[in-house]
Amino acid sequence: MKVLLCSDIEKLGWLGDIVDVKNGYARNYLIPQGLATVPTEANIKALADEKSRRAEARRLVRDQKERLVTSVQDAEVVLTAKANEQGHLFGSVTERDIAQNLREQGFDVADEMIKMDGHIKELGVSEVTVRAAADLTATVRVVVNSQEQTVDAAQESNSSQA
């Protein structure tokens, strides 16, 4: 069954698109929820202006995401955490920690954009993906240092200056 989408539906189409879906999906979900309607000439004309406005808004958001990915590419996040002598963290470094550090550096990154296989649980360097859209990704280098190393380095620099 062909329907005219009244709103953007992920993995189906954008507002104003005419898509072919199964009859039950259209009759039982899309049309009753107001997400789609029958594609008549009047309905198509009514959605034409809104379709062009949303297309422009999507283009602007896309441009913003492309600029973000370009600017954040090869950025470095340096975090400190408590760790034992073997380098295992007491806790872990999460997507939220990385996104927070990137925001502090001036990047407009949401927590959900950070993609990791698992939380970082050891000291060292890791590569993390920032995913702004399905096809827009950047790689960020994450360096996790021990708090003891940071404190020792600060004390050494203070004693050498004195």
N, C-alpha and C. Protein backbone atom coordinates (compact mmCIF):
# COMPACT_ATOMS: atom_id res chain seq x y z
N MET A 1 0.86 -1.18 0.00
CA MET A 1 0.00 0.00 0.00
C MET A 1 0.90 1.23 0.00
N LYS A 2 0.58 2.20 -0.82
CA LYS A 2 1.33 3.44 -0.87
C LYS A 2 0.70 4.44 0.09
N VAL A 3 1.58 5.09 0.89
CA VAL A 3 1.12 6.10 1.83
C VAL A 3 2.00 7.33 1.72
N LEU A 4 1.47 8.48 2.11
CA LEU A 4 2.18 9.74 2.15
C LEU A 4 2.57 10.00 3.59
N LEU A 5 3.87 10.10 3.87
CA LEU A 5 4.33 10.29 5.25
C LEU A 5 4.05 11.72 5.72
N CYS A 6 3.47 11.82 6.91
CA CYS A 6 3.15 13.12 7.52
C CYS A 6 4.23 13.56 8.50
N SER A 7 5.20 12.72 8.74
CA SER A 7 6.33 13.07 9.61
C SER A 7 7.52 12.20 9.22
N ASP A 8 8.69 12.57 9.72
CA ASP A 8 9.89 11.79 9.45
C ASP A 8 9.84 10.50 10.27
N ILE A 9 10.08 9.38 9.61
CA ILE A 9 10.10 8.08 10.29
C ILE A 9 11.41 7.41 9.95
N GLU A 10 12.20 7.14 11.00
CA GLU A 10 13.51 6.55 10.81
C GLU A 10 13.40 5.23 10.07
N LYS A 11 14.27 5.03 9.12
CA LYS A 11 14.38 3.82 8.30
C LYS A 11 13.19 3.60 7.37
N LEU A 12 12.32 4.62 7.24
CA LEU A 12 11.21 4.50 6.31
C LEU A 12 11.22 5.66 5.32
N GLY A 13 11.29 6.89 5.82
CA GLY A 13 11.32 8.03 4.92
C GLY A 13 11.09 9.34 5.64
N TRP A 14 11.11 10.42 4.85
CA TRP A 14 10.94 11.77 5.38
C TRP A 14 9.53 12.26 5.11
N LEU A 15 9.15 13.32 5.79
CA LEU A 15 7.86 13.94 5.60
C LEU A 15 7.65 14.26 4.12
N GLY A 16 6.49 13.92 3.60
CA GLY A 16 6.16 14.20 2.21
C GLY A 16 6.56 13.11 1.24
N ASP A 17 7.29 12.11 1.69
CA ASP A 17 7.66 11.01 0.82
C ASP A 17 6.48 10.06 0.66
N ILE A 18 6.35 9.51 -0.53
CA ILE A 18 5.35 8.46 -0.77
C ILE A 18 6.11 7.14 -0.75
N VAL A 19 5.74 6.29 0.20
CA VAL A 19 6.44 5.02 0.37
C VAL A 19 5.46 3.87 0.27
N ASP A 20 6.00 2.72 -0.05
CA ASP A 20 5.20 1.51 -0.18
C ASP A 20 5.43 0.66 1.08
N VAL A 21 4.36 0.42 1.83
CA VAL A 21 4.45 -0.37 3.05
C VAL A 21 3.40 -1.47 3.02
N LYS A 22 3.50 -2.40 3.94
CA LYS A 22 2.49 -3.46 4.02
C LYS A 22 1.16 -2.88 4.48
N ASN A 23 0.08 -3.45 4.01
CA ASN A 23 -1.26 -2.95 4.31
C ASN A 23 -1.53 -2.85 5.81
N GLY A 24 -1.17 -3.88 6.55
CA GLY A 24 -1.42 -3.89 7.99
C GLY A 24 -0.65 -2.80 8.71
N TYR A 25 0.59 -2.56 8.32
CA TYR A 25 1.41 -1.52 8.93
C TYR A 25 0.78 -0.14 8.70
N ALA A 26 0.27 0.07 7.49
CA ALA A 26 -0.36 1.35 7.17
C ALA A 26 -1.69 1.51 7.91
N ARG A 27 -2.56 0.51 7.83
CA ARG A 27 -3.90 0.62 8.42
C ARG A 27 -3.89 0.59 9.94
N ASN A 28 -3.00 -0.21 10.53
CA ASN A 28 -3.04 -0.40 11.97
C ASN A 28 -2.12 0.53 12.75
N TYR A 29 -1.11 1.09 12.09
CA TYR A 29 -0.17 1.92 12.84
C TYR A 29 0.01 3.31 12.23
N LEU A 30 0.49 3.39 10.99
CA LEU A 30 0.85 4.68 10.42
C LEU A 30 -0.33 5.65 10.32
N ILE A 31 -1.42 5.21 9.74
CA ILE A 31 -2.57 6.11 9.55
C ILE A 31 -3.25 6.45 10.87
N PRO A 32 -3.56 5.49 11.77
CA PRO A 32 -4.19 5.86 13.05
C PRO A 32 -3.32 6.77 13.92
N GLN A 33 -2.00 6.64 13.85
CA GLN A 33 -1.11 7.47 14.66
C GLN A 33 -0.89 8.85 14.03
N GLY A 34 -1.42 9.07 12.84
CA GLY A 34 -1.25 10.35 12.15
C GLY A 34 0.13 10.49 11.51
N LEU A 35 0.84 9.39 11.36
CA LEU A 35 2.17 9.43 10.77
C LEU A 35 2.13 9.37 9.25
N ALA A 36 1.01 8.93 8.69
CA ALA A 36 0.87 8.82 7.24
C ALA A 36 -0.59 9.02 6.87
N THR A 37 -0.80 9.29 5.59
CA THR A 37 -2.15 9.46 5.06
C THR A 37 -2.18 8.92 3.64
N VAL A 38 -3.38 8.88 3.06
CA VAL A 38 -3.53 8.42 1.68
C VAL A 38 -2.96 9.49 0.75
N PRO A 39 -2.16 9.13 -0.24
CA PRO A 39 -1.50 10.12 -1.10
C PRO A 39 -2.42 10.69 -2.18
N THR A 40 -3.25 11.64 -1.81
CA THR A 40 -4.09 12.34 -2.79
C THR A 40 -3.39 13.63 -3.20
N GLU A 41 -3.84 14.24 -4.29
CA GLU A 41 -3.24 15.50 -4.76
C GLU A 41 -3.33 16.59 -3.69
N ALA A 42 -4.47 16.68 -3.02
CA ALA A 42 -4.66 17.70 -1.99
C ALA A 42 -3.69 17.49 -0.83
N ASN A 43 -3.53 16.26 -0.40
CA ASN A 43 -2.61 15.95 0.70
C ASN A 43 -1.16 16.24 0.32
N ILE A 44 -0.79 15.92 -0.91
CA ILE A 44 0.58 16.16 -1.37
C ILE A 44 0.87 17.66 -1.40
N LYS A 45 -0.08 18.46 -1.90
CA LYS A 45 0.12 19.92 -1.95
C LYS A 45 0.19 20.51 -0.55
N ALA A 46 -0.62 19.98 0.36
CA ALA A 46 -0.65 20.50 1.72
C ALA A 46 0.69 20.28 2.43
N LEU A 47 1.37 19.19 2.13
CA LEU A 47 2.64 18.88 2.79
C LEU A 47 3.86 19.43 2.05
N ALA A 48 3.67 20.01 0.86
CA ALA A 48 4.81 20.45 0.04
C ALA A 48 5.65 21.52 0.75
N ASP A 49 5.00 22.55 1.33
CA ASP A 49 5.75 23.62 2.01
C ASP A 49 6.49 23.09 3.22
N GLU A 50 5.81 22.29 4.00
CA GLU A 50 6.45 21.73 5.21
C GLU A 50 7.62 20.83 4.81
N LYS A 51 7.47 20.11 3.71
CA LYS A 51 8.54 19.23 3.24
C LYS A 51 9.78 20.04 2.89
N SER A 52 9.62 21.15 2.20
CA SER A 52 10.79 21.96 1.82
C SER A 52 11.43 22.61 3.05
N ARG A 53 10.63 23.04 4.03
CA ARG A 53 11.19 23.61 5.26
C ARG A 53 12.00 22.57 6.02
N ARG A 54 11.47 21.37 6.14
CA ARG A 54 12.18 20.32 6.86
C ARG A 54 13.43 19.87 6.12
N ALA A 55 13.38 19.85 4.79
CA ALA A 55 14.55 19.48 4.01
C ALA A 55 15.67 20.49 4.25
N GLU A 56 15.34 21.75 4.30
CA GLU A 56 16.33 22.80 4.58
C GLU A 56 16.87 22.66 6.00
N ALA A 57 16.00 22.37 6.95
CA ALA A 57 16.45 22.18 8.34
C ALA A 57 17.38 20.97 8.44
N ARG A 58 17.06 19.87 7.74
CA ARG A 58 17.92 18.69 7.74
C ARG A 58 19.27 18.99 7.12
N ARG A 59 19.26 19.81 6.06
CA ARG A 59 20.52 20.18 5.41
C ARG A 59 21.39 21.00 6.36
N LEU A 60 20.80 21.94 7.10
CA LEU A 60 21.55 22.74 8.05
C LEU A 60 22.14 21.89 9.18
N VAL A 61 21.34 20.95 9.70
CA VAL A 61 21.81 20.05 10.76
C VAL A 61 22.94 19.18 10.22
N ARG A 62 22.79 18.71 9.00
CA ARG A 62 23.83 17.88 8.37
C ARG A 62 25.14 18.66 8.23
N ASP A 63 25.05 19.91 7.79
CA ASP A 63 26.24 20.75 7.66
C ASP A 63 26.91 20.95 9.01
N GLN A 64 26.10 21.17 10.04
CA GLN A 64 26.65 21.35 11.39
C GLN A 64 27.36 20.07 11.86
N LYS A 65 26.77 18.92 11.60
CA LYS A 65 27.39 17.65 12.00
C LYS A 65 28.69 17.41 11.23
N GLU A 66 28.72 17.78 9.95
CA GLU A 66 29.95 17.62 9.16
C GLU A 66 31.06 18.50 9.72
N ARG A 67 30.73 19.74 10.10
CA ARG A 67 31.73 20.63 10.70
C ARG A 67 32.23 20.06 12.03
N LEU A 68 31.32 19.51 12.84
CA LEU A 68 31.70 18.91 14.11
C LEU A 68 32.68 17.75 13.90
N VAL A 69 32.35 16.86 12.97
CA VAL A 69 33.20 15.69 12.72
C VAL A 69 34.58 16.15 12.23
N THR A 70 34.62 17.15 11.37
CA THR A 70 35.90 17.66 10.87
C THR A 70 36.73 18.26 11.99
N SER A 71 36.09 19.01 12.87
CA SER A 71 36.83 19.68 13.94
C SER A 71 37.29 18.70 15.03
N VAL A 72 36.49 17.68 15.33
CA VAL A 72 36.82 16.75 16.42
C VAL A 72 37.77 15.63 15.96
N GLN A 73 37.92 15.47 14.65
CA GLN A 73 38.80 14.42 14.13
C GLN A 73 40.21 14.59 14.69
N ASP A 74 40.78 13.54 15.19
CA ASP A 74 42.13 13.51 15.76
C ASP A 74 42.29 14.36 17.02
N ALA A 75 41.20 14.69 17.69
CA ALA A 75 41.31 15.39 18.97
C ALA A 75 41.83 14.42 20.01
N GLU A 76 42.33 14.97 21.11
CA GLU A 76 42.87 14.11 22.16
C GLU A 76 42.17 14.43 23.47
N VAL A 77 41.73 13.40 24.15
CA VAL A 77 41.10 13.51 25.46
C VAL A 77 42.07 12.94 26.48
N VAL A 78 42.44 13.75 27.46
CA VAL A 78 43.34 13.29 28.52
C VAL A 78 42.55 13.26 29.82
N LEU A 79 42.45 12.08 30.41
CA LEU A 79 41.70 11.89 31.65
C LEU A 79 42.61 11.29 32.71
N THR A 80 42.30 11.59 33.96
CA THR A 80 43.03 10.97 35.06
C THR A 80 42.04 10.16 35.88
N ALA A 81 42.51 9.02 36.36
CA ALA A 81 41.66 8.14 37.15
C ALA A 81 42.52 7.38 38.15
N LYS A 82 41.90 6.92 39.21
CA LYS A 82 42.60 6.12 40.20
C LYS A 82 42.82 4.72 39.64
N ALA A 83 44.05 4.22 39.83
CA ALA A 83 44.38 2.88 39.32
C ALA A 83 45.31 2.19 40.30
N ASN A 84 45.34 0.86 40.21
CA ASN A 84 46.27 0.10 41.05
C ASN A 84 47.63 0.03 40.37
N GLU A 85 48.57 -0.70 40.98
CA GLU A 85 49.94 -0.77 40.46
C GLU A 85 50.01 -1.45 39.09
N GLN A 86 49.07 -2.34 38.80
CA GLN A 86 49.07 -3.05 37.52
C GLN A 86 48.44 -2.22 36.40
N GLY A 87 47.88 -1.07 36.72
CA GLY A 87 47.28 -0.22 35.70
C GLY A 87 45.80 -0.43 35.50
N HIS A 88 45.14 -1.21 36.35
CA HIS A 88 43.70 -1.41 36.26
C HIS A 88 43.00 -0.29 37.01
N LEU A 89 42.00 0.28 36.39
CA LEU A 89 41.28 1.40 37.00
C LEU A 89 40.34 0.92 38.09
N PHE A 90 40.17 1.76 39.11
CA PHE A 90 39.11 1.55 40.10
C PHE A 90 37.88 2.22 39.51
N GLY A 91 37.09 1.46 38.78
CA GLY A 91 35.98 2.02 38.03
C GLY A 91 36.32 1.93 36.56
N SER A 92 35.77 2.82 35.74
CA SER A 92 36.07 2.80 34.32
C SER A 92 35.83 4.17 33.72
N VAL A 93 36.35 4.38 32.52
CA VAL A 93 36.12 5.60 31.77
C VAL A 93 34.96 5.30 30.81
N THR A 94 33.91 6.10 30.89
CA THR A 94 32.70 5.85 30.11
C THR A 94 32.55 6.87 28.99
N GLU A 95 31.53 6.65 28.17
CA GLU A 95 31.20 7.57 27.09
C GLU A 95 30.93 8.96 27.65
N ARG A 96 30.27 9.01 28.79
CA ARG A 96 29.93 10.29 29.42
C ARG A 96 31.19 11.07 29.80
N ASP A 97 32.20 10.39 30.33
CA ASP A 97 33.45 11.05 30.72
C ASP A 97 34.14 11.66 29.50
N ILE A 98 34.18 10.91 28.43
CA ILE A 98 34.84 11.37 27.21
C ILE A 98 34.08 12.54 26.61
N ALA A 99 32.75 12.43 26.53
CA ALA A 99 31.94 13.52 25.97
C ALA A 99 32.07 14.78 26.82
N GLN A 100 32.10 14.63 28.13
CA GLN A 100 32.26 15.77 29.03
C GLN A 100 33.58 16.49 28.77
N ASN A 101 34.66 15.71 28.61
CA ASN A 101 35.96 16.30 28.33
C ASN A 101 35.96 17.03 26.99
N LEU A 102 35.33 16.44 25.98
CA LEU A 102 35.26 17.09 24.67
C LEU A 102 34.44 18.38 24.74
N ARG A 103 33.36 18.38 25.52
CA ARG A 103 32.58 19.61 25.70
C ARG A 103 33.41 20.69 26.38
N GLU A 104 34.23 20.29 27.36
CA GLU A 104 35.10 21.25 28.03
C GLU A 104 36.13 21.83 27.07
N GLN A 105 36.50 21.08 26.04
CA GLN A 105 37.42 21.57 25.02
C GLN A 105 36.72 22.44 23.98
N GLY A 106 35.39 22.54 24.05
CA GLY A 106 34.65 23.40 23.14
C GLY A 106 33.93 22.70 22.01
N PHE A 107 33.92 21.37 22.00
CA PHE A 107 33.22 20.62 20.97
C PHE A 107 31.78 20.36 21.42
N ASP A 108 30.84 20.47 20.51
CA ASP A 108 29.42 20.25 20.81
C ASP A 108 29.09 18.77 20.61
N VAL A 109 29.48 17.94 21.59
CA VAL A 109 29.34 16.49 21.49
C VAL A 109 28.36 16.01 22.55
N ALA A 110 27.39 15.20 22.14
CA ALA A 110 26.45 14.59 23.08
C ALA A 110 27.01 13.25 23.53
N ASP A 111 26.60 12.81 24.72
CA ASP A 111 27.08 11.53 25.26
C ASP A 111 26.80 10.37 24.30
N GLU A 112 25.66 10.41 23.61
CA GLU A 112 25.25 9.32 22.73
C GLU A 112 26.12 9.22 21.48
N MET A 113 26.86 10.27 21.16
CA MET A 113 27.71 10.24 19.96
C MET A 113 28.98 9.41 20.16
N ILE A 114 29.38 9.18 21.39
CA ILE A 114 30.60 8.44 21.68
C ILE A 114 30.29 6.95 21.58
N LYS A 115 31.02 6.25 20.73
CA LYS A 115 30.80 4.82 20.52
C LYS A 115 32.05 4.05 20.93
N MET A 116 31.87 3.13 21.89
CA MET A 116 32.97 2.31 22.38
C MET A 116 32.52 0.87 22.45
N ASP A 117 33.45 -0.08 22.27
CA ASP A 117 33.11 -1.49 22.41
C ASP A 117 32.79 -1.83 23.85
N GLY A 118 33.50 -1.20 24.77
CA GLY A 118 33.30 -1.40 26.20
C GLY A 118 33.97 -0.25 26.92
N HIS A 119 33.69 -0.08 28.17
CA HIS A 119 34.31 1.00 28.92
C HIS A 119 35.80 0.74 29.06
N ILE A 120 36.56 1.82 29.16
CA ILE A 120 38.01 1.72 29.31
C ILE A 120 38.29 1.42 30.77
N LYS A 121 39.02 0.33 31.03
CA LYS A 121 39.25 -0.10 32.41
C LYS A 121 40.73 -0.18 32.76
N GLU A 122 41.59 0.31 31.86
CA GLU A 122 43.03 0.27 32.12
C GLU A 122 43.66 1.58 31.69
N LEU A 123 44.81 1.88 32.28
CA LEU A 123 45.59 3.05 31.90
C LEU A 123 46.12 2.87 30.49
N GLY A 124 46.34 3.97 29.79
CA GLY A 124 46.93 3.88 28.46
C GLY A 124 46.17 4.71 27.45
N VAL A 125 46.42 4.39 26.19
CA VAL A 125 45.85 5.12 25.07
C VAL A 125 44.83 4.23 24.35
N SER A 126 43.68 4.81 24.02
CA SER A 126 42.63 4.09 23.30
C SER A 126 42.10 4.97 22.17
N GLU A 127 41.53 4.34 21.19
CA GLU A 127 40.87 5.05 20.10
C GLU A 127 39.36 4.89 20.29
N VAL A 128 38.63 6.00 20.18
CA VAL A 128 37.18 6.00 20.37
C VAL A 128 36.55 6.70 19.17
N THR A 129 35.39 6.23 18.77
CA THR A 129 34.68 6.80 17.63
C THR A 129 33.63 7.80 18.09
N VAL A 130 33.58 8.94 17.42
CA VAL A 130 32.51 9.91 17.63
C VAL A 130 31.63 9.81 16.39
N ARG A 131 30.37 9.43 16.62
CA ARG A 131 29.45 9.19 15.50
C ARG A 131 28.35 10.24 15.52
N ALA A 132 28.45 11.22 14.62
CA ALA A 132 27.46 12.29 14.54
C ALA A 132 26.23 11.85 13.74
N ALA A 133 26.44 11.00 12.77
CA ALA A 133 25.36 10.44 11.96
C ALA A 133 25.83 9.06 11.49
N ALA A 134 24.95 8.34 10.84
CA ALA A 134 25.29 6.98 10.42
C ALA A 134 26.54 6.94 9.54
N ASP A 135 26.73 7.96 8.72
CA ASP A 135 27.88 7.97 7.82
C ASP A 135 28.90 9.05 8.15
N LEU A 136 28.77 9.69 9.30
CA LEU A 136 29.71 10.74 9.73
C LEU A 136 30.37 10.33 11.04
N THR A 137 31.62 9.90 10.95
CA THR A 137 32.33 9.48 12.16
C THR A 137 33.71 10.13 12.20
N ALA A 138 34.23 10.26 13.40
CA ALA A 138 35.58 10.76 13.63
C ALA A 138 36.23 9.89 14.69
N THR A 139 37.55 9.88 14.71
CA THR A 139 38.28 9.11 15.70
C THR A 139 38.95 10.06 16.68
N VAL A 140 38.80 9.75 17.96
CA VAL A 140 39.37 10.56 19.03
C VAL A 140 40.32 9.67 19.83
N ARG A 141 41.46 10.24 20.19
CA ARG A 141 42.45 9.51 20.99
C ARG A 141 42.18 9.81 22.46
N VAL A 142 42.04 8.76 23.27
CA VAL A 142 41.78 8.92 24.70
C VAL A 142 43.00 8.41 25.47
N VAL A 143 43.57 9.31 26.29
CA VAL A 143 44.73 8.97 27.10
C VAL A 143 44.27 8.96 28.55
N VAL A 144 44.43 7.82 29.21
CA VAL A 144 44.03 7.69 30.62
C VAL A 144 45.31 7.58 31.45
N ASN A 145 45.51 8.56 32.33
CA ASN A 145 46.66 8.59 33.22
C ASN A 145 46.22 8.28 34.64
N SER A 146 47.16 7.80 35.44
CA SER A 146 46.90 7.54 36.85
C SER A 146 46.96 8.85 37.62
N GLN A 147 46.10 9.01 38.62
CA GLN A 147 46.14 10.21 39.44
C GLN A 147 47.47 10.32 40.16
N GLU A 148 48.07 9.20 40.55
CA GLU A 148 49.35 9.22 41.24
C GLU A 148 50.44 9.76 40.34
N GLN A 149 50.43 9.39 39.05
CA GLN A 149 51.41 9.90 38.11
C GLN A 149 51.27 11.40 37.95
N THR A 150 50.03 11.90 37.90
CA THR A 150 49.78 13.32 37.74
C THR A 150 50.26 14.08 38.96
N VAL A 151 49.98 13.56 40.15
CA VAL A 151 50.40 14.22 41.38
C VAL A 151 51.93 14.22 41.47
N ASP A 152 52.58 13.09 41.13
CA ASP A 152 54.04 13.01 41.18
C ASP A 152 54.68 14.00 40.20
N ALA A 153 54.14 14.11 39.00
CA ALA A 153 54.68 15.03 38.00
C ALA A 153 54.53 16.47 38.46
N ALA A 154 53.40 16.81 39.08
CA ALA A 154 53.18 18.17 39.57
C ALA A 154 54.15 18.49 40.70
N GLN A 155 54.40 17.52 41.58
CA GLN A 155 55.34 17.75 42.68
C GLN A 155 56.75 17.92 42.16
N GLU A 156 57.15 17.13 41.16
CA GLU A 156 58.49 17.25 40.59
C GLU A 156 58.69 18.60 39.92
N SER A 157 57.68 19.09 39.22
CA SER A 157 57.83 20.37 38.54
C SER A 157 57.88 21.51 39.57
N ASN A 158 57.13 21.39 40.66
CA ASN A 158 57.17 22.40 41.71
C ASN A 158 58.52 22.41 42.42
N SER A 159 59.10 21.22 42.66
CA SER A 159 60.38 21.15 43.37
C SER A 159 61.54 21.61 42.48
N SER A 160 61.44 21.39 41.17
CA SER A 160 62.50 21.82 40.26
C SER A 160 62.47 23.34 40.05
N GLN A 161 61.30 23.94 40.18
CA GLN A 161 61.18 25.40 40.03
C GLN A 161 61.69 26.11 41.28
N ALA A 162 61.65 25.48 42.43
CA ALA A 162 62.03 26.13 43.68
C ALA A 162 63.50 26.19 43.89
